[in-house]
Amino acid sequence: MRFRVLVMGRANAGKTTILQRVCNSTDEPEIFDGEGNKVSFYRRGYHEIEHELMFKSNPGFVFHDSCGFEVGSIEQFEQMRKFVMDRATTKRVNEHVHTIWYGMLCE
C-alpha cells in the first residue's frame, strides 16, 4: 500500500520543492494519469489534481497537487472538494487521501 497525500497551497509556493526534500530527491517527480500511464508533459505550476506525482527515491508515497489553491477561487475549491470526496468514498483504501498538507508562504 502507498500513502497518498494531497498537497495544497498557492501557485509557486514551493510545494514541489517541499516534496523533493521530504523524498530526499533533487529530481522532478514522475507523473502518472489516473490510469497509471506516464504523463510526459510537466510544467512547474501546472498540475491536474487527479495526476499522481511520485519520486523514485520514495515509491511508498503518492502525491496529488491542488493546482495552486488560490484565495477566493470557487472553481479550484470545488475541484479539490470533489477530489477529496471521491477519494473518501471509494472502497479501495489505497485510493483514499490519507493526509492533506497545506503550504503557505511566510514572508
C-alpha atoms as a PDB file:
ATOM      1  CA  MET A   1       0.000   0.000   0.000  1.00  0.00           C
ATOM      2  CA  ARG A   2       1.143   3.518  -0.754  1.00  0.00           C
ATOM      3  CA  PHE A   3       0.497   6.578   1.404  1.00  0.00           C
ATOM      4  CA  ARG A   4      -1.473   9.180  -0.591  1.00  0.00           C
ATOM      5  CA  VAL A   5      -1.004  12.909   0.142  1.00  0.00           C
ATOM      6  CA  LEU A   6      -2.908  15.891  -1.273  1.00  0.00           C
ATOM      7  CA  VAL A   7      -0.655  18.953  -1.296  1.00  0.00           C
ATOM      8  CA  MET A   8      -2.421  22.308  -1.353  1.00  0.00           C
ATOM      9  CA  GLY A   9      -1.199  25.866  -1.475  1.00  0.00           C
ATOM     10  CA  ARG A  10      -0.816  28.924  -3.624  1.00  0.00           C
ATOM     11  CA  ALA A  11       0.818  28.512  -7.046  1.00  0.00           C
ATOM     12  CA  ASN A  12       4.622  28.818  -6.808  1.00  0.00           C
ATOM     13  CA  ALA A  13       4.541  28.447  -3.015  1.00  0.00           C
ATOM     14  CA  GLY A  14       7.245  25.772  -3.197  1.00  0.00           C
ATOM     15  CA  LYS A  15       5.071  22.667  -2.934  1.00  0.00           C
ATOM     16  CA  THR A  16       7.201  20.602  -5.318  1.00  0.00           C
ATOM     17  CA  THR A  17      10.380  21.761  -3.582  1.00  0.00           C
ATOM     18  CA  ILE A  18       8.988  20.589  -0.230  1.00  0.00           C
ATOM     19  CA  LEU A  19       8.095  17.222  -1.755  1.00  0.00           C
ATOM     20  CA  GLN A  20      11.624  16.893  -3.114  1.00  0.00           C
ATOM     21  CA  ARG A  21      13.023  17.499   0.381  1.00  0.00           C
ATOM     22  CA  VAL A  22      10.607  15.055   2.015  1.00  0.00           C
ATOM     23  CA  CYS A  23      11.536  12.400  -0.557  1.00  0.00           C
ATOM     24  CA  ASN A  24      15.257  13.210  -0.409  1.00  0.00           C
ATOM     25  CA  SER A  25      15.408  13.944  -4.124  1.00  0.00           C
ATOM     26  CA  THR A  26      16.524  16.700  -6.465  1.00  0.00           C
ATOM     27  CA  ASP A  27      14.733  15.081  -9.402  1.00  0.00           C
ATOM     28  CA  GLU A  28      11.385  16.213 -10.728  1.00  0.00           C
ATOM     29  CA  PRO A  29       8.578  13.785  -9.860  1.00  0.00           C
ATOM     30  CA  GLU A  30       7.344  11.199 -12.302  1.00  0.00           C
ATOM     31  CA  ILE A  31       3.708  11.949 -13.127  1.00  0.00           C
ATOM     32  CA  PHE A  32       1.017   9.423 -13.953  1.00  0.00           C
ATOM     33  CA  ASP A  33      -2.579   9.915 -15.009  1.00  0.00           C
ATOM     34  CA  GLY A  34      -5.435   8.216 -13.162  1.00  0.00           C
ATOM     35  CA  GLU A  35      -4.984   5.078 -15.295  1.00  0.00           C
ATOM     36  CA  GLY A  36      -1.294   4.629 -14.450  1.00  0.00           C
ATOM     37  CA  ASN A  37       0.045   5.995 -17.755  1.00  0.00           C
ATOM     38  CA  LYS A  38       3.139   8.158 -17.509  1.00  0.00           C
ATOM     39  CA  VAL A  39       2.477  11.811 -18.367  1.00  0.00           C
ATOM     40  CA  SER A  40       5.295  13.248 -20.436  1.00  0.00           C
ATOM     41  CA  PHE A  41       4.252  16.897 -20.141  1.00  0.00           C
ATOM     42  CA  TYR A  42       5.309  18.647 -16.942  1.00  0.00           C
ATOM     43  CA  ARG A  43       5.387  22.375 -16.353  1.00  0.00           C
ATOM     44  CA  ARG A  44       6.038  23.785 -12.921  1.00  0.00           C
ATOM     45  CA  GLY A  45       2.928  25.469 -11.567  1.00  0.00           C
ATOM     46  CA  TYR A  46       0.527  23.435 -13.723  1.00  0.00           C
ATOM     47  CA  HIS A  47      -0.929  20.192 -12.386  1.00  0.00           C
ATOM     48  CA  GLU A  48      -4.067  18.130 -12.692  1.00  0.00           C
ATOM     49  CA  ILE A  49      -5.290  17.138  -9.215  1.00  0.00           C
ATOM     50  CA  GLU A  50      -6.023  13.586 -10.451  1.00  0.00           C
ATOM     51  CA  HIS A  51      -2.431  13.096 -11.615  1.00  0.00           C
ATOM     52  CA  GLU A  52      -0.152  11.128  -9.307  1.00  0.00           C
ATOM     53  CA  LEU A  53       3.280  12.579  -8.568  1.00  0.00           C
ATOM     54  CA  MET A  54       5.869  10.031  -7.472  1.00  0.00           C
ATOM     55  CA  PHE A  55       9.566  10.139  -6.701  1.00  0.00           C
ATOM     56  CA  LYS A  56      11.805   7.153  -7.481  1.00  0.00           C
ATOM     57  CA  SER A  57      13.594   7.787  -4.181  1.00  0.00           C
ATOM     58  CA  ASN A  58      10.392   7.235  -2.191  1.00  0.00           C
ATOM     59  CA  PRO A  59       7.911   4.980  -4.034  1.00  0.00           C
ATOM     60  CA  GLY A  60       5.768   4.471  -0.911  1.00  0.00           C
ATOM     61  CA  PHE A  61       4.239   7.928  -1.325  1.00  0.00           C
ATOM     62  CA  VAL A  62       1.830   9.213  -3.966  1.00  0.00           C
ATOM     63  CA  PHE A  63       1.270  12.971  -4.095  1.00  0.00           C
ATOM     64  CA  HIS A  64      -1.523  14.993  -5.678  1.00  0.00           C
ATOM     65  CA  ASP A  65      -1.091  18.721  -6.300  1.00  0.00           C
ATOM     66  CA  SER A  66      -4.044  21.070  -5.904  1.00  0.00           C
ATOM     67  CA  CYS A  67      -3.059  23.148  -8.961  1.00  0.00           C
ATOM     68  CA  GLY A  68      -2.365  26.282  -6.936  1.00  0.00           C
ATOM     69  CA  PHE A  69      -5.112  26.715  -4.395  1.00  0.00           C
ATOM     70  CA  GLU A  70      -5.775  30.437  -4.725  1.00  0.00           C
ATOM     71  CA  VAL A  71      -7.753  32.519  -2.266  1.00  0.00           C
ATOM     72  CA  GLY A  72     -11.310  33.121  -3.419  1.00  0.00           C
ATOM     73  CA  SER A  73     -11.286  30.633  -6.293  1.00  0.00           C
ATOM     74  CA  ILE A  74     -14.611  28.810  -6.069  1.00  0.00           C
ATOM     75  CA  GLU A  75     -13.723  26.625  -9.074  1.00  0.00           C
ATOM     76  CA  GLN A  76     -10.466  25.387  -7.520  1.00  0.00           C
ATOM     77  CA  PHE A  77     -12.168  24.812  -4.173  1.00  0.00           C
ATOM     78  CA  GLU A  78     -14.943  22.756  -5.792  1.00  0.00           C
ATOM     79  CA  GLN A  79     -12.414  20.742  -7.793  1.00  0.00           C
ATOM     80  CA  MET A  80     -10.471  19.951  -4.600  1.00  0.00           C
ATOM     81  CA  ARG A  81     -13.655  19.136  -2.647  1.00  0.00           C
ATOM     82  CA  LYS A  82     -14.875  16.742  -5.351  1.00  0.00           C
ATOM     83  CA  PHE A  83     -11.473  15.034  -5.487  1.00  0.00           C
ATOM     84  CA  VAL A  84     -11.382  14.533  -1.695  1.00  0.00           C
ATOM     85  CA  MET A  85     -14.990  13.319  -1.538  1.00  0.00           C
ATOM     86  CA  ASP A  86     -14.497  10.908  -4.449  1.00  0.00           C
ATOM     87  CA  ARG A  87     -11.382   9.507  -2.779  1.00  0.00           C
ATOM     88  CA  ALA A  88     -13.121   9.251   0.610  1.00  0.00           C
ATOM     89  CA  THR A  89     -15.992   7.179  -0.741  1.00  0.00           C
ATOM     90  CA  THR A  90     -14.007   4.654  -2.766  1.00  0.00           C
ATOM     91  CA  LYS A  91     -13.867   1.152  -1.320  1.00  0.00           C
ATOM     92  CA  ARG A  92     -10.143   0.786  -2.127  1.00  0.00           C
ATOM     93  CA  VAL A  93      -8.159   2.095   0.844  1.00  0.00           C
ATOM     94  CA  ASN A  94      -5.039   2.646  -1.270  1.00  0.00           C
ATOM     95  CA  GLU A  95      -7.046   5.169  -3.334  1.00  0.00           C
ATOM     96  CA  HIS A  96      -8.043   7.266  -0.292  1.00  0.00           C
ATOM     97  CA  VAL A  97      -6.321  10.552   0.503  1.00  0.00           C
ATOM     98  CA  HIS A  98      -4.522   9.723   3.732  1.00  0.00           C
ATOM     99  CA  THR A  99      -3.458  13.233   4.613  1.00  0.00           C
ATOM    100  CA  ILE A 100      -3.642  16.820   3.300  1.00  0.00           C
ATOM    101  CA  TRP A 101      -0.720  19.214   3.543  1.00  0.00           C
ATOM    102  CA  TYR A 102      -1.345  22.926   3.156  1.00  0.00           C
ATOM    103  CA  GLY A 103       1.727  25.006   2.307  1.00  0.00           C
ATOM    104  CA  MET A 104       1.899  28.752   2.890  1.00  0.00           C
ATOM    105  CA  LEU A 105       4.491  31.362   2.077  1.00  0.00           C
ATOM    106  CA  CYS A 106       5.771  33.073   5.187  1.00  0.00           C
ATOM    107  CA  GLU A 107       7.087  36.490   4.283  1.00  0.00           C
END
